[in-house]
Amino acid sequence: MFELGKKQTLTVVKQVDFGIYLADGEGEDADDRVLLPKKQVPEGCSVGDSLEVFLYKDSKDRIIATTNTPKLMAGEVGMLRVSQCTGIGAFLDWGLEKDILLPYKEQTGSVKEGDEVLVTIYVDKSSRLAATMKVYPNLSTDSGYRKDDMVTGIVYQIYEPAGAYVAVDNRYSALIPAREIYGSIKVGDVVNARVAEVKADGKLDLSVREKAYLQMEKDADKLICRLNELGGRLPFTDKASPELIKKEIGMSKNEFKRAVGKLLKNGKVEIKTDCIVLK
């Protein structure tokens, strides 16, 4: 039985001018044979020899073998470069002569030629190999990371009610919960984050913000910068709505209040009726 997208060890059952036919066993039926083109045939290969090959489909939708190894095989997750964008999707360079298609419906964010995108390879409903940015089912949950460890990952999908889904080390399943997202995070971003929680099933919850006492210093500095940008006057106080604070400053209301409190204590700002000003 042939398995698309994987390496298999097959037996040479017939030699022809344009290559050799391989089969899993005797291969007496032509439908149970696959062609390895002549340019791929190792020197001295003959009937009865065993060869390890990778199976995919050619431009005429026929199963074909190659001795080359693609950058990703079925079920594997990794980065591939976009070589071309067309009306049906993006074609990715995966190390074989024929690029692999990333259909529009399998894209979780916009892509353009030259981009490196995180994908996995799968067999579609038409029994063809294709790429998808929906890598969640192929990520592992046995990372070994612990709470407060620092990790690096790639955002592969954003679902607003939940947050930003991240592939840590291109292998492990993680989420930046919506409550932890401040500023702009988009598909394809590389994030450095802290493990906020390891779930019972091994999945990771991440935070792109540090622990409160460390983050307060950064938030205070960020608020000073924003005040300088606005000419020394912020047109609202710490009593403003959480939505306004997040939109204008990129902090939660509690984080904003802690930063304001620190600056007040250090004598760097003054709170007036309807604004905060630098001293």
C-alpha atoms as a PDB file:
ATOM      1  CA  MET A   1       0.000   0.000   0.000  1.00  0.00           C
ATOM      2  CA  PHE A   2       1.395   3.377  -1.004  1.00  0.00           C
ATOM      3  CA  GLU A   3       1.430   6.221   1.536  1.00  0.00           C
ATOM      4  CA  LEU A   4       1.503   9.711   0.069  1.00  0.00           C
ATOM      5  CA  GLY A   5       3.704  12.214   1.829  1.00  0.00           C
ATOM      6  CA  LYS A   6       5.918   9.651   3.521  1.00  0.00           C
ATOM      7  CA  LYS A   7       9.057   7.669   2.859  1.00  0.00           C
ATOM      8  CA  GLN A   8       8.674   3.994   2.044  1.00  0.00           C
ATOM      9  CA  THR A   9      10.999   1.151   1.202  1.00  0.00           C
ATOM     10  CA  LEU A  10       9.821  -0.405  -2.069  1.00  0.00           C
ATOM     11  CA  THR A  11      11.129  -3.106  -4.373  1.00  0.00           C
ATOM     12  CA  VAL A  12      12.258  -2.620  -7.973  1.00  0.00           C
ATOM     13  CA  VAL A  13       9.942  -4.804 -10.112  1.00  0.00           C
ATOM     14  CA  LYS A  14      10.538  -3.507 -13.627  1.00  0.00           C
ATOM     15  CA  GLN A  15      13.091  -1.466 -15.592  1.00  0.00           C
ATOM     16  CA  VAL A  16      12.057   0.700 -18.544  1.00  0.00           C
ATOM     17  CA  ASP A  17      13.785   3.312 -20.709  1.00  0.00           C
ATOM     18  CA  PHE A  18      12.332   6.194 -18.689  1.00  0.00           C
ATOM     19  CA  GLY A  19      12.994   4.808 -15.189  1.00  0.00           C
ATOM     20  CA  ILE A  20      12.048   1.920 -12.924  1.00  0.00           C
ATOM     21  CA  TYR A  21       8.812   0.722 -11.420  1.00  0.00           C
ATOM     22  CA  LEU A  22       8.606   0.080  -7.698  1.00  0.00           C
ATOM     23  CA  ALA A  23       6.108  -1.938  -5.736  1.00  0.00           C
ATOM     24  CA  ASP A  24       5.298  -2.987  -2.194  1.00  0.00           C
ATOM     25  CA  GLY A  25       5.778  -6.715  -2.835  1.00  0.00           C
ATOM     26  CA  GLU A  26       5.605  -8.437  -6.191  1.00  0.00           C
ATOM     27  CA  GLY A  27       3.614  -5.664  -7.867  1.00  0.00           C
ATOM     28  CA  GLU A  28       2.194  -7.802 -10.654  1.00  0.00           C
ATOM     29  CA  ASP A  29      -0.709  -5.384 -11.225  1.00  0.00           C
ATOM     30  CA  ALA A  30       0.288  -2.143 -12.975  1.00  0.00           C
ATOM     31  CA  ASP A  31      -1.927  -0.182 -10.544  1.00  0.00           C
ATOM     32  CA  ASP A  32       0.242  -1.406  -7.686  1.00  0.00           C
ATOM     33  CA  ARG A  33       3.411   0.060  -9.161  1.00  0.00           C
ATOM     34  CA  VAL A  34       4.906   3.535  -8.928  1.00  0.00           C
ATOM     35  CA  LEU A  35       7.444   5.129 -11.258  1.00  0.00           C
ATOM     36  CA  LEU A  36      10.837   6.408 -10.173  1.00  0.00           C
ATOM     37  CA  PRO A  37      11.999   8.614 -13.103  1.00  0.00           C
ATOM     38  CA  LYS A  38      15.278   7.729 -14.787  1.00  0.00           C
ATOM     39  CA  LYS A  39      17.146  10.773 -13.463  1.00  0.00           C
ATOM     40  CA  GLN A  40      16.349   9.593  -9.918  1.00  0.00           C
ATOM     41  CA  VAL A  41      17.460   5.980 -10.375  1.00  0.00           C
ATOM     42  CA  PRO A  42      20.687   5.140  -8.458  1.00  0.00           C
ATOM     43  CA  GLU A  43      23.516   3.798 -10.561  1.00  0.00           C
ATOM     44  CA  GLY A  44      23.615  -0.005 -10.707  1.00  0.00           C
ATOM     45  CA  CYS A  45      20.028  -0.413  -9.483  1.00  0.00           C
ATOM     46  CA  SER A  46      18.325  -3.593 -10.770  1.00  0.00           C
ATOM     47  CA  VAL A  47      15.142  -5.646 -10.391  1.00  0.00           C
ATOM     48  CA  GLY A  48      14.798  -7.034  -6.875  1.00  0.00           C
ATOM     49  CA  ASP A  49      16.672  -4.189  -5.178  1.00  0.00           C
ATOM     50  CA  SER A  50      15.043  -2.228  -2.349  1.00  0.00           C
ATOM     51  CA  LEU A  51      14.921   1.573  -2.416  1.00  0.00           C
ATOM     52  CA  GLU A  52      13.708   4.127   0.114  1.00  0.00           C
ATOM     53  CA  VAL A  53      11.639   6.748  -1.713  1.00  0.00           C
ATOM     54  CA  PHE A  54       9.225   9.573  -0.995  1.00  0.00           C
ATOM     55  CA  LEU A  55       5.809   9.408  -2.675  1.00  0.00           C
ATOM     56  CA  TYR A  56       3.836  12.378  -4.004  1.00  0.00           C
ATOM     57  CA  LYS A  57       1.797  13.287  -7.090  1.00  0.00           C
ATOM     58  CA  ASP A  58       3.148  14.856 -10.268  1.00  0.00           C
ATOM     59  CA  SER A  59       1.547  17.622 -12.368  1.00  0.00           C
ATOM     60  CA  LYS A  60      -0.696  14.998 -14.047  1.00  0.00           C
ATOM     61  CA  ASP A  61      -1.970  13.775 -10.683  1.00  0.00           C
ATOM     62  CA  ARG A  62      -0.070  10.473 -10.865  1.00  0.00           C
ATOM     63  CA  ILE A  63       1.674   8.968  -7.845  1.00  0.00           C
ATOM     64  CA  ILE A  64       5.399   9.255  -8.404  1.00  0.00           C
ATOM     65  CA  ALA A  65       8.494   8.388  -6.384  1.00  0.00           C
ATOM     66  CA  THR A  66      11.603  10.436  -5.683  1.00  0.00           C
ATOM     67  CA  THR A  67      14.827   9.680  -3.849  1.00  0.00           C
ATOM     68  CA  ASN A  68      14.932  13.318  -2.747  1.00  0.00           C
ATOM     69  CA  THR A  69      13.676  14.222   0.717  1.00  0.00           C
ATOM     70  CA  PRO A  70      11.257  17.180   1.047  1.00  0.00           C
ATOM     71  CA  LYS A  71      11.689  19.776   3.767  1.00  0.00           C
ATOM     72  CA  LEU A  72       8.474  18.494   5.382  1.00  0.00           C
ATOM     73  CA  MET A  73       6.643  15.181   5.153  1.00  0.00           C
ATOM     74  CA  ALA A  74       2.987  14.490   5.949  1.00  0.00           C
ATOM     75  CA  GLY A  75       2.159  15.405   9.537  1.00  0.00           C
ATOM     76  CA  GLU A  76       5.367  17.359  10.140  1.00  0.00           C
ATOM     77  CA  VAL A  77       5.314  21.049  11.117  1.00  0.00           C
ATOM     78  CA  GLY A  78       7.862  23.591   9.938  1.00  0.00           C
ATOM     79  CA  MET A  79       8.630  26.769   8.019  1.00  0.00           C
ATOM     80  CA  LEU A  80       8.375  26.905   4.218  1.00  0.00           C
ATOM     81  CA  ARG A  81       8.975  29.844   1.869  1.00  0.00           C
ATOM     82  CA  VAL A  82       6.231  31.206  -0.379  1.00  0.00           C
ATOM     83  CA  SER A  83       7.480  30.990  -3.959  1.00  0.00           C
ATOM     84  CA  GLN A  84       4.337  32.218  -5.715  1.00  0.00           C
ATOM     85  CA  CYS A  85       0.851  33.534  -4.962  1.00  0.00           C
ATOM     86  CA  THR A  86      -1.958  32.662  -7.380  1.00  0.00           C
ATOM     87  CA  GLY A  87      -5.718  32.725  -7.666  1.00  0.00           C
ATOM     88  CA  ILE A  88      -6.060  29.382  -5.877  1.00  0.00           C
ATOM     89  CA  GLY A  89      -3.581  29.994  -3.082  1.00  0.00           C
ATOM     90  CA  ALA A  90       0.147  30.172  -2.416  1.00  0.00           C
ATOM     91  CA  PHE A  91       2.760  27.734  -3.660  1.00  0.00           C
ATOM     92  CA  LEU A  92       5.507  26.817  -1.189  1.00  0.00           C
ATOM     93  CA  ASP A  93       9.036  25.609  -1.830  1.00  0.00           C
ATOM     94  CA  TRP A  94       9.327  22.297   0.004  1.00  0.00           C
ATOM     95  CA  GLY A  95      12.484  21.041  -1.651  1.00  0.00           C
ATOM     96  CA  LEU A  96      10.993  19.059  -4.540  1.00  0.00           C
ATOM     97  CA  GLU A  97      10.651  19.970  -8.225  1.00  0.00           C
ATOM     98  CA  LYS A  98       6.924  20.622  -7.853  1.00  0.00           C
ATOM     99  CA  ASP A  99       6.004  23.234  -5.232  1.00  0.00           C
ATOM    100  CA  ILE A 100       3.226  22.373  -2.811  1.00  0.00           C
ATOM    101  CA  LEU A 101      -0.049  24.318  -2.679  1.00  0.00           C
ATOM    102  CA  LEU A 102      -1.247  26.215   0.387  1.00  0.00           C
ATOM    103  CA  PRO A 103      -4.933  26.756  -0.520  1.00  0.00           C
ATOM    104  CA  TYR A 104      -6.629  30.016   0.455  1.00  0.00           C
ATOM    105  CA  LYS A 105      -8.999  28.173   2.787  1.00  0.00           C
ATOM    106  CA  GLU A 106      -6.001  26.760   4.667  1.00  0.00           C
ATOM    107  CA  GLN A 107      -4.422  30.183   5.264  1.00  0.00           C
ATOM    108  CA  THR A 108      -4.934  31.681   8.719  1.00  0.00           C
ATOM    109  CA  GLY A 109      -3.370  35.017   7.762  1.00  0.00           C
ATOM    110  CA  SER A 110      -2.311  36.877   4.643  1.00  0.00           C
ATOM    111  CA  VAL A 111       0.842  35.637   2.911  1.00  0.00           C
ATOM    112  CA  LYS A 112       2.962  37.046   0.114  1.00  0.00           C
ATOM    113  CA  GLU A 113       5.832  35.908  -2.055  1.00  0.00           C
ATOM    114  CA  GLY A 114       9.033  35.497  -0.057  1.00  0.00           C
ATOM    115  CA  ASP A 115       7.281  35.003   3.303  1.00  0.00           C
ATOM    116  CA  GLU A 116       8.272  32.125   5.571  1.00  0.00           C
ATOM    117  CA  VAL A 117       5.111  30.477   6.864  1.00  0.00           C
ATOM    118  CA  LEU A 118       4.526  27.805   9.484  1.00  0.00           C
ATOM    119  CA  VAL A 119       2.625  24.883   7.953  1.00  0.00           C
ATOM    120  CA  THR A 120       2.015  21.170   8.121  1.00  0.00           C
ATOM    121  CA  ILE A 121       1.545  18.787   5.203  1.00  0.00           C
ATOM    122  CA  TYR A 122      -1.645  16.751   4.797  1.00  0.00           C
ATOM    123  CA  VAL A 123      -3.542  14.670   2.239  1.00  0.00           C
ATOM    124  CA  ASP A 124      -6.626  16.581   1.049  1.00  0.00           C
ATOM    125  CA  LYS A 125     -10.050  15.243   0.046  1.00  0.00           C
ATOM    126  CA  SER A 126      -8.828  14.780  -3.532  1.00  0.00           C
ATOM    127  CA  SER A 127      -5.979  12.558  -2.301  1.00  0.00           C
ATOM    128  CA  ARG A 128      -3.374  15.205  -3.092  1.00  0.00           C
ATOM    129  CA  LEU A 129      -0.697  16.533  -0.798  1.00  0.00           C
ATOM    130  CA  ALA A 130      -1.236  20.117   0.325  1.00  0.00           C
ATOM    131  CA  ALA A 131      -0.074  22.517   3.025  1.00  0.00           C
ATOM    132  CA  THR A 132      -2.117  24.138   5.783  1.00  0.00           C
ATOM    133  CA  MET A 133      -1.395  26.852   8.315  1.00  0.00           C
ATOM    134  CA  LYS A 134      -3.889  25.167  10.669  1.00  0.00           C
ATOM    135  CA  VAL A 135      -1.171  23.231  12.465  1.00  0.00           C
ATOM    136  CA  TYR A 136      -2.982  22.726  15.795  1.00  0.00           C
ATOM    137  CA  PRO A 137      -3.728  18.977  15.357  1.00  0.00           C
ATOM    138  CA  ASN A 138      -0.059  18.241  14.676  1.00  0.00           C
ATOM    139  CA  LEU A 139       1.432  20.024  17.676  1.00  0.00           C
ATOM    140  CA  SER A 140       2.627  18.123  20.740  1.00  0.00           C
ATOM    141  CA  THR A 141       1.761  18.668  24.391  1.00  0.00           C
ATOM    142  CA  ASP A 142       4.818  17.041  25.962  1.00  0.00           C
ATOM    143  CA  SER A 143       7.139  20.044  25.927  1.00  0.00           C
ATOM    144  CA  GLY A 144       8.599  19.633  29.410  1.00  0.00           C
ATOM    145  CA  TYR A 145       8.400  23.387  29.962  1.00  0.00           C
ATOM    146  CA  ARG A 146       7.388  24.638  33.399  1.00  0.00           C
ATOM    147  CA  LYS A 147       5.674  27.719  34.786  1.00  0.00           C
ATOM    148  CA  ASP A 148       7.779  30.897  34.355  1.00  0.00           C
ATOM    149  CA  ASP A 149      10.081  29.334  31.734  1.00  0.00           C
ATOM    150  CA  MET A 150      10.810  31.654  28.794  1.00  0.00           C
ATOM    151  CA  VAL A 151       9.912  30.271  25.371  1.00  0.00           C
ATOM    152  CA  THR A 152       9.904  31.352  21.731  1.00  0.00           C
ATOM    153  CA  GLY A 153       7.143  30.527  19.282  1.00  0.00           C
ATOM    154  CA  ILE A 154       5.294  31.556  16.125  1.00  0.00           C
ATOM    155  CA  VAL A 155       1.721  32.838  16.076  1.00  0.00           C
ATOM    156  CA  TYR A 156      -0.117  30.606  13.594  1.00  0.00           C
ATOM    157  CA  GLN A 157      -3.750  31.561  14.202  1.00  0.00           C
ATOM    158  CA  ILE A 158      -5.760  34.221  16.022  1.00  0.00           C
ATOM    159  CA  TYR A 159      -9.239  33.516  17.330  1.00  0.00           C
ATOM    160  CA  GLU A 160     -10.475  36.594  19.142  1.00  0.00           C
ATOM    161  CA  PRO A 161     -12.592  34.995  21.882  1.00  0.00           C
ATOM    162  CA  ALA A 162      -9.701  32.746  22.890  1.00  0.00           C
ATOM    163  CA  GLY A 163      -6.531  34.598  21.925  1.00  0.00           C
ATOM    164  CA  ALA A 164      -3.450  33.907  19.790  1.00  0.00           C
ATOM    165  CA  TYR A 165      -2.423  30.334  19.101  1.00  0.00           C
ATOM    166  CA  VAL A 166       1.327  29.769  19.172  1.00  0.00           C
ATOM    167  CA  ALA A 167       3.590  26.912  18.107  1.00  0.00           C
ATOM    168  CA  VAL A 168       6.421  26.941  20.647  1.00  0.00           C
ATOM    169  CA  ASP A 169       9.673  25.730  19.066  1.00  0.00           C
ATOM    170  CA  ASN A 170       7.493  24.929  16.001  1.00  0.00           C
ATOM    171  CA  ARG A 171       6.393  21.832  17.948  1.00  0.00           C
ATOM    172  CA  TYR A 172       4.359  22.503  21.080  1.00  0.00           C
ATOM    173  CA  SER A 173       0.786  23.704  21.507  1.00  0.00           C
ATOM    174  CA  ALA A 174       0.384  27.040  23.287  1.00  0.00           C
ATOM    175  CA  LEU A 175      -2.048  29.933  23.641  1.00  0.00           C
ATOM    176  CA  ILE A 176      -1.693  33.591  24.535  1.00  0.00           C
ATOM    177  CA  PRO A 177      -5.119  34.174  26.128  1.00  0.00           C
ATOM    178  CA  ALA A 178      -7.040  37.209  24.872  1.00  0.00           C
ATOM    179  CA  ARG A 179      -6.671  38.885  28.269  1.00  0.00           C
ATOM    180  CA  GLU A 180      -2.880  38.781  27.840  1.00  0.00           C
ATOM    181  CA  ILE A 181      -2.801  40.397  24.401  1.00  0.00           C
ATOM    182  CA  TYR A 182      -1.853  44.061  24.363  1.00  0.00           C
ATOM    183  CA  GLY A 183      -0.749  45.941  21.286  1.00  0.00           C
ATOM    184  CA  SER A 184      -0.630  44.276  17.887  1.00  0.00           C
ATOM    185  CA  ILE A 185      -0.070  40.535  17.472  1.00  0.00           C
ATOM    186  CA  LYS A 186      -0.606  38.962  14.069  1.00  0.00           C
ATOM    187  CA  VAL A 187      -0.181  35.607  12.356  1.00  0.00           C
ATOM    188  CA  GLY A 188       3.472  34.971  11.568  1.00  0.00           C
ATOM    189  CA  ASP A 189       4.850  37.001  14.483  1.00  0.00           C
ATOM    190  CA  VAL A 190       7.685  35.464  16.469  1.00  0.00           C
ATOM    191  CA  VAL A 191       6.988  35.975  20.169  1.00  0.00           C
ATOM    192  CA  ASN A 192       9.163  35.620  23.231  1.00  0.00           C
ATOM    193  CA  ALA A 193       6.896  34.767  26.123  1.00  0.00           C
ATOM    194  CA  ARG A 194       6.722  33.444  29.658  1.00  0.00           C
ATOM    195  CA  VAL A 195       4.895  30.221  30.479  1.00  0.00           C
ATOM    196  CA  ALA A 196       2.053  31.445  32.685  1.00  0.00           C
ATOM    197  CA  GLU A 197       0.496  28.004  33.165  1.00  0.00           C
ATOM    198  CA  VAL A 198       0.963  24.410  32.084  1.00  0.00           C
ATOM    199  CA  LYS A 199      -2.493  22.908  31.608  1.00  0.00           C
ATOM    200  CA  ALA A 200      -3.390  19.419  32.796  1.00  0.00           C
ATOM    201  CA  ASP A 201      -3.247  18.188  29.196  1.00  0.00           C
ATOM    202  CA  GLY A 202       0.227  19.658  28.699  1.00  0.00           C
ATOM    203  CA  LYS A 203      -0.809  22.672  26.624  1.00  0.00           C
ATOM    204  CA  LEU A 204       0.846  25.951  27.541  1.00  0.00           C
ATOM    205  CA  ASP A 205      -0.721  29.279  28.428  1.00  0.00           C
ATOM    206  CA  LEU A 206       1.704  32.094  27.646  1.00  0.00           C
ATOM    207  CA  SER A 207       2.118  35.670  28.716  1.00  0.00           C
ATOM    208  CA  VAL A 208       4.049  38.234  26.720  1.00  0.00           C
ATOM    209  CA  ARG A 209       4.178  40.337  29.853  1.00  0.00           C
ATOM    210  CA  GLU A 210       6.447  39.790  32.826  1.00  0.00           C
ATOM    211  CA  LYS A 211       5.437  39.340  36.470  1.00  0.00           C
ATOM    212  CA  ALA A 212       3.666  42.367  37.910  1.00  0.00           C
ATOM    213  CA  TYR A 213       6.577  43.837  39.894  1.00  0.00           C
ATOM    214  CA  LEU A 214       8.869  43.652  36.845  1.00  0.00           C
ATOM    215  CA  GLN A 215       6.217  44.730  34.377  1.00  0.00           C
ATOM    216  CA  MET A 216       5.331  47.794  36.438  1.00  0.00           C
ATOM    217  CA  GLU A 217       8.765  49.294  35.733  1.00  0.00           C
ATOM    218  CA  LYS A 218       8.329  48.793  31.997  1.00  0.00           C
ATOM    219  CA  ASP A 219       4.755  50.081  32.052  1.00  0.00           C
ATOM    220  CA  ALA A 220       5.840  53.221  33.913  1.00  0.00           C
ATOM    221  CA  ASP A 221       8.540  53.858  31.317  1.00  0.00           C
ATOM    222  CA  LYS A 222       6.024  53.224  28.543  1.00  0.00           C
ATOM    223  CA  LEU A 223       3.595  55.714  30.085  1.00  0.00           C
ATOM    224  CA  ILE A 224       6.302  58.372  30.322  1.00  0.00           C
ATOM    225  CA  CYS A 225       7.078  57.874  26.620  1.00  0.00           C
ATOM    226  CA  ARG A 226       3.407  58.191  25.728  1.00  0.00           C
ATOM    227  CA  LEU A 227       3.087  61.368  27.791  1.00  0.00           C
ATOM    228  CA  ASN A 228       6.086  62.846  25.983  1.00  0.00           C
ATOM    229  CA  GLU A 229       4.503  61.968  22.637  1.00  0.00           C
ATOM    230  CA  LEU A 230       1.360  63.834  23.708  1.00  0.00           C
ATOM    231  CA  GLY A 231       3.234  66.928  24.827  1.00  0.00           C
ATOM    232  CA  GLY A 232       3.211  66.031  28.513  1.00  0.00           C
ATOM    233  CA  ARG A 233      -0.562  65.677  28.904  1.00  0.00           C
ATOM    234  CA  LEU A 234      -2.673  62.505  28.815  1.00  0.00           C
ATOM    235  CA  PRO A 235      -6.334  63.521  28.262  1.00  0.00           C
ATOM    236  CA  PHE A 236      -7.790  61.074  30.798  1.00  0.00           C
ATOM    237  CA  THR A 237      -7.041  59.664  34.253  1.00  0.00           C
ATOM    238  CA  ASP A 238      -6.869  56.226  35.816  1.00  0.00           C
ATOM    239  CA  LYS A 239     -10.655  56.376  36.143  1.00  0.00           C
ATOM    240  CA  ALA A 240     -11.051  56.007  32.368  1.00  0.00           C
ATOM    241  CA  SER A 241     -12.709  52.938  30.900  1.00  0.00           C
ATOM    242  CA  PRO A 242     -10.599  49.783  30.384  1.00  0.00           C
ATOM    243  CA  GLU A 243     -11.360  49.962  26.658  1.00  0.00           C
ATOM    244  CA  LEU A 244      -9.979  53.507  26.305  1.00  0.00           C
ATOM    245  CA  ILE A 245      -6.872  52.671  28.321  1.00  0.00           C
ATOM    246  CA  LYS A 246      -6.151  49.560  26.270  1.00  0.00           C
ATOM    247  CA  LYS A 247      -6.692  51.417  22.991  1.00  0.00           C
ATOM    248  CA  GLU A 248      -4.542  54.431  23.852  1.00  0.00           C
ATOM    249  CA  ILE A 249      -1.853  52.915  26.106  1.00  0.00           C
ATOM    250  CA  GLY A 250      -1.933  49.172  25.397  1.00  0.00           C
ATOM    251  CA  MET A 251      -2.350  48.188  29.060  1.00  0.00           C
ATOM    252  CA  SER A 252      -5.084  46.722  31.204  1.00  0.00           C
ATOM    253  CA  LYS A 253      -6.702  49.136  33.650  1.00  0.00           C
ATOM    254  CA  ASN A 254      -4.923  47.528  36.619  1.00  0.00           C
ATOM    255  CA  GLU A 255      -1.546  47.760  34.888  1.00  0.00           C
ATOM    256  CA  PHE A 256      -2.222  51.387  33.998  1.00  0.00           C
ATOM    257  CA  LYS A 257      -3.176  52.236  37.575  1.00  0.00           C
ATOM    258  CA  ARG A 258      -0.021  50.559  38.923  1.00  0.00           C
ATOM    259  CA  ALA A 259       2.145  52.484  36.451  1.00  0.00           C
ATOM    260  CA  VAL A 260       0.445  55.787  37.341  1.00  0.00           C
ATOM    261  CA  GLY A 261       0.844  55.013  41.039  1.00  0.00           C
ATOM    262  CA  LYS A 262       4.563  54.381  40.615  1.00  0.00           C
ATOM    263  CA  LEU A 263       5.043  57.634  38.696  1.00  0.00           C
ATOM    264  CA  LEU A 264       3.051  59.532  41.328  1.00  0.00           C
ATOM    265  CA  LYS A 265       5.187  58.048  44.110  1.00  0.00           C
ATOM    266  CA  ASN A 266       8.340  59.084  42.253  1.00  0.00           C
ATOM    267  CA  GLY A 267       6.975  62.582  41.710  1.00  0.00           C
ATOM    268  CA  LYS A 268       7.045  62.353  37.913  1.00  0.00           C
ATOM    269  CA  VAL A 269       3.363  63.027  37.186  1.00  0.00           C
ATOM    270  CA  GLU A 270       0.386  64.871  38.595  1.00  0.00           C
ATOM    271  CA  ILE A 271      -3.232  63.759  38.332  1.00  0.00           C
ATOM    272  CA  LYS A 272      -5.690  66.562  37.587  1.00  0.00           C
ATOM    273  CA  THR A 273      -9.494  66.375  37.272  1.00  0.00           C
ATOM    274  CA  ASP A 274      -9.539  65.202  33.685  1.00  0.00           C
ATOM    275  CA  CYS A 275      -5.940  64.449  32.764  1.00  0.00           C
ATOM    276  CA  ILE A 276      -2.501  63.307  33.849  1.00  0.00           C
ATOM    277  CA  VAL A 277       0.433  65.638  33.272  1.00  0.00           C
ATOM    278  CA  LEU A 278       4.186  65.378  33.520  1.00  0.00           C
ATOM    279  CA  LYS A 279       5.856  67.391  36.212  1.00  0.00           C
END
